[in-house]
Amino acid sequence: MKVAFENVTAQPECANLLKGEHMFGFLKTLFGRQQTQAKPIRKPSNPDRTRRLRGDGEFDVKVAGTSKNQGSIKHTVKSLGINNSRDFLVKLASETSNPYDANAITVKHKGNLLGYIPADLASEVHEALSDAGISGSVCKAMARIVGHGKETLGIRLNIARPAKVA
């Protein structure tokens, strides 16, 4: 079958296609649709750009107050399906309204209070956050549940001493 192009000059859009200038114009002419441009691909926004405290791999920082927060810890274990070998991220945040310690730093997972950074480390963590220019004293750290098979579960954090933000 032979295809002949006649009267190309009468249809400028087809002439542009033949010159290789406008592929979309040809498709518009061919299919009768409007030319659409592809939307730019955007990376999903990450409102929680929280930085992490540097760890040393030891998980030797014992979280305080875990005996009072066993419900939250057990909920975390169940929701993550974790055991002794699986680590997870926790959020550390200043609790300036704490009546017992103005330097208190909470340890939370998905909003559930698991415990507190020990008082002797809390001021060091505040200083590390300040040195890193992090406002609001919020960061993350790796955590591990300990004491599986026992009545009371505990949490250990992987925080290098002196505390530094990665």
Protein backbone atom coordinates (compact mmCIF):
# COMPACT_ATOMS: atom_id res chain seq x y z
CA MET A 1 0.00 0.00 0.00
CA LYS A 2 1.31 3.40 -1.00
CA VAL A 3 0.72 6.49 1.10
CA ALA A 4 0.98 9.81 -0.60
CA PHE A 5 1.25 13.17 1.15
CA GLU A 6 -0.49 15.77 -0.85
CA ASN A 7 -1.00 19.39 -0.06
CA VAL A 8 1.46 19.40 2.87
CA THR A 9 1.79 23.15 2.72
CA ALA A 10 -1.94 23.51 3.47
CA GLN A 11 -1.50 21.79 6.87
CA PRO A 12 1.37 23.49 8.74
CA GLU A 13 1.18 21.11 11.70
CA CYS A 14 1.90 18.12 9.46
CA ALA A 15 4.65 20.06 7.74
CA ASN A 16 6.31 20.70 11.10
CA LEU A 17 6.15 16.98 11.83
CA LEU A 18 7.79 16.18 8.57
CA LYS A 19 10.55 18.61 9.49
CA GLY A 20 10.85 16.88 12.88
CA GLU A 21 9.92 19.99 14.88
CA HIS A 22 6.67 19.17 16.74
CA MET A 23 5.78 15.59 17.53
CA PHE A 24 2.95 16.68 19.86
CA GLY A 25 1.49 18.82 17.10
CA PHE A 26 1.36 15.77 14.84
CA LEU A 27 -0.36 13.72 17.53
CA LYS A 28 -2.84 16.54 18.10
CA THR A 29 -3.61 16.59 14.40
CA LEU A 30 -3.73 12.82 14.17
CA PHE A 31 -5.89 12.14 17.21
CA GLY A 32 -7.61 15.49 17.68
CA ARG A 33 -6.45 15.83 21.30
CA GLN A 34 -4.90 18.78 22.99
CA GLN A 35 -1.23 18.71 23.71
CA THR A 36 -0.50 18.05 27.38
CA GLN A 37 2.81 18.40 29.09
CA ALA A 38 3.97 15.85 31.63
CA LYS A 39 3.85 17.07 35.21
CA PRO A 40 7.23 17.26 36.90
CA ILE A 41 7.97 14.40 39.26
CA ARG A 42 8.18 15.63 42.83
CA LYS A 43 9.74 13.78 45.65
CA PRO A 44 7.26 13.23 48.46
CA SER A 45 7.63 15.89 51.08
CA ASN A 46 9.08 14.73 54.36
CA PRO A 47 7.75 16.96 57.12
CA ASP A 48 9.68 14.96 59.69
CA ARG A 49 13.28 15.70 58.76
CA THR A 50 14.52 14.77 62.19
CA ARG A 51 18.23 14.12 62.55
CA ARG A 52 19.66 11.13 64.35
CA LEU A 53 22.05 10.85 67.28
CA ARG A 54 25.23 9.05 66.32
CA GLY A 55 25.54 5.56 67.77
CA ASP A 56 28.47 3.35 68.63
CA GLY A 57 26.68 0.02 68.09
CA GLU A 58 26.67 -0.85 71.79
CA PHE A 59 23.04 -0.15 72.85
CA ASP A 60 24.35 0.57 76.32
CA VAL A 61 22.15 3.56 77.26
CA LYS A 62 19.36 2.24 79.46
CA VAL A 63 16.06 4.15 79.10
CA ALA A 64 14.69 5.33 82.45
CA GLY A 65 11.04 4.98 83.48
CA THR A 66 10.27 1.87 81.44
CA SER A 67 8.62 0.08 84.37
CA LYS A 68 5.85 2.72 84.31
CA ASN A 69 5.39 2.45 80.54
CA GLN A 70 5.12 -1.31 80.02
CA GLY A 71 1.82 -0.96 78.14
CA SER A 72 3.40 1.28 75.51
CA ILE A 73 6.49 -0.91 75.25
CA LYS A 74 4.44 -4.08 74.80
CA HIS A 75 2.29 -2.30 72.21
CA THR A 76 5.48 -1.35 70.33
CA VAL A 77 6.72 -4.95 70.47
CA LYS A 78 3.41 -6.22 69.14
CA SER A 79 3.01 -3.59 66.40
CA LEU A 80 6.55 -4.03 65.09
CA GLY A 81 6.77 -7.76 65.69
CA ILE A 82 10.22 -7.21 67.12
CA ASN A 83 12.54 -9.44 69.09
CA ASN A 84 15.95 -8.95 70.69
CA SER A 85 17.75 -8.72 67.36
CA ARG A 86 15.55 -6.12 65.65
CA ASP A 87 16.29 -2.45 66.20
CA PHE A 88 13.92 0.44 65.56
CA LEU A 89 13.93 4.24 65.57
CA VAL A 90 12.58 6.25 68.48
CA LYS A 91 12.00 9.98 68.72
CA LEU A 92 13.71 11.92 71.47
CA ALA A 93 12.16 15.25 72.45
CA SER A 94 12.66 17.79 75.21
CA GLU A 95 9.99 17.86 77.88
CA THR A 96 10.56 21.32 79.33
CA SER A 97 7.30 21.13 81.29
CA ASN A 98 8.55 18.14 83.32
CA PRO A 99 8.19 19.15 87.01
CA TYR A 100 11.01 16.82 88.11
CA ASP A 101 13.70 17.65 85.54
CA ALA A 102 13.88 20.72 83.28
CA ASN A 103 16.33 18.81 81.02
CA ALA A 104 14.06 15.77 80.64
CA ILE A 105 14.04 14.12 77.21
CA THR A 106 11.27 11.71 76.30
CA VAL A 107 11.75 8.52 74.32
CA LYS A 108 8.69 7.90 72.12
CA HIS A 109 7.65 5.58 69.34
CA LYS A 110 4.73 6.71 67.17
CA GLY A 111 3.61 9.09 69.90
CA ASN A 112 3.69 6.49 72.69
CA LEU A 113 5.89 7.36 75.66
CA LEU A 114 8.36 4.55 76.30
CA GLY A 115 10.55 6.29 78.88
CA TYR A 116 13.19 8.98 79.33
CA ILE A 117 16.85 9.55 78.54
CA PRO A 118 18.79 9.09 81.81
CA ALA A 119 19.28 12.42 83.61
CA ASP A 120 23.08 12.21 83.42
CA LEU A 121 22.89 12.04 79.59
CA ALA A 122 20.00 14.48 79.02
CA SER A 123 22.09 17.67 79.33
CA GLU A 124 24.71 16.15 77.00
CA VAL A 125 22.02 15.41 74.38
CA HIS A 126 20.67 18.98 74.70
CA GLU A 127 24.18 20.32 74.12
CA ALA A 128 24.71 18.07 71.07
CA LEU A 129 21.43 19.24 69.55
CA SER A 130 22.31 22.87 70.20
CA ASP A 131 25.77 22.40 68.64
CA ALA A 132 24.12 20.88 65.55
CA GLY A 133 21.74 23.84 65.28
CA ILE A 134 18.63 21.74 65.85
CA SER A 135 15.83 23.80 67.31
CA GLY A 136 13.11 22.27 69.43
CA SER A 137 15.52 19.65 70.77
CA VAL A 138 14.05 16.81 68.73
CA CYS A 139 16.06 13.98 67.20
CA LYS A 140 15.98 10.24 66.65
CA ALA A 141 18.02 7.33 67.93
CA MET A 142 18.18 3.58 67.37
CA ALA A 143 16.57 1.51 70.11
CA ARG A 144 16.35 -2.14 71.09
CA ILE A 145 13.85 -3.92 73.36
CA VAL A 146 15.52 -6.08 76.03
CA GLY A 147 14.15 -8.60 78.50
CA HIS A 148 11.96 -10.70 76.20
CA GLY A 149 10.42 -13.60 78.09
CA LYS A 150 10.52 -11.64 81.33
CA GLU A 151 7.74 -9.82 83.15
CA THR A 152 9.24 -6.35 82.57
CA LEU A 153 10.69 -5.19 79.26
CA GLY A 154 13.37 -2.54 78.94
CA ILE A 155 14.80 -0.38 76.19
CA ARG A 156 18.42 0.31 75.35
CA LEU A 157 19.54 3.12 73.06
CA ASN A 158 22.47 3.23 70.68
CA ILE A 159 23.96 6.62 71.58
CA ALA A 160 27.70 7.23 71.45
CA ARG A 161 29.28 9.18 74.27
CA PRO A 162 29.82 12.07 73.99
CA ALA A 163 26.50 12.51 72.22
CA LYS A 164 26.77 13.85 68.67
CA VAL A 165 24.22 14.36 65.92
CA ALA A 166 24.91 12.40 62.74
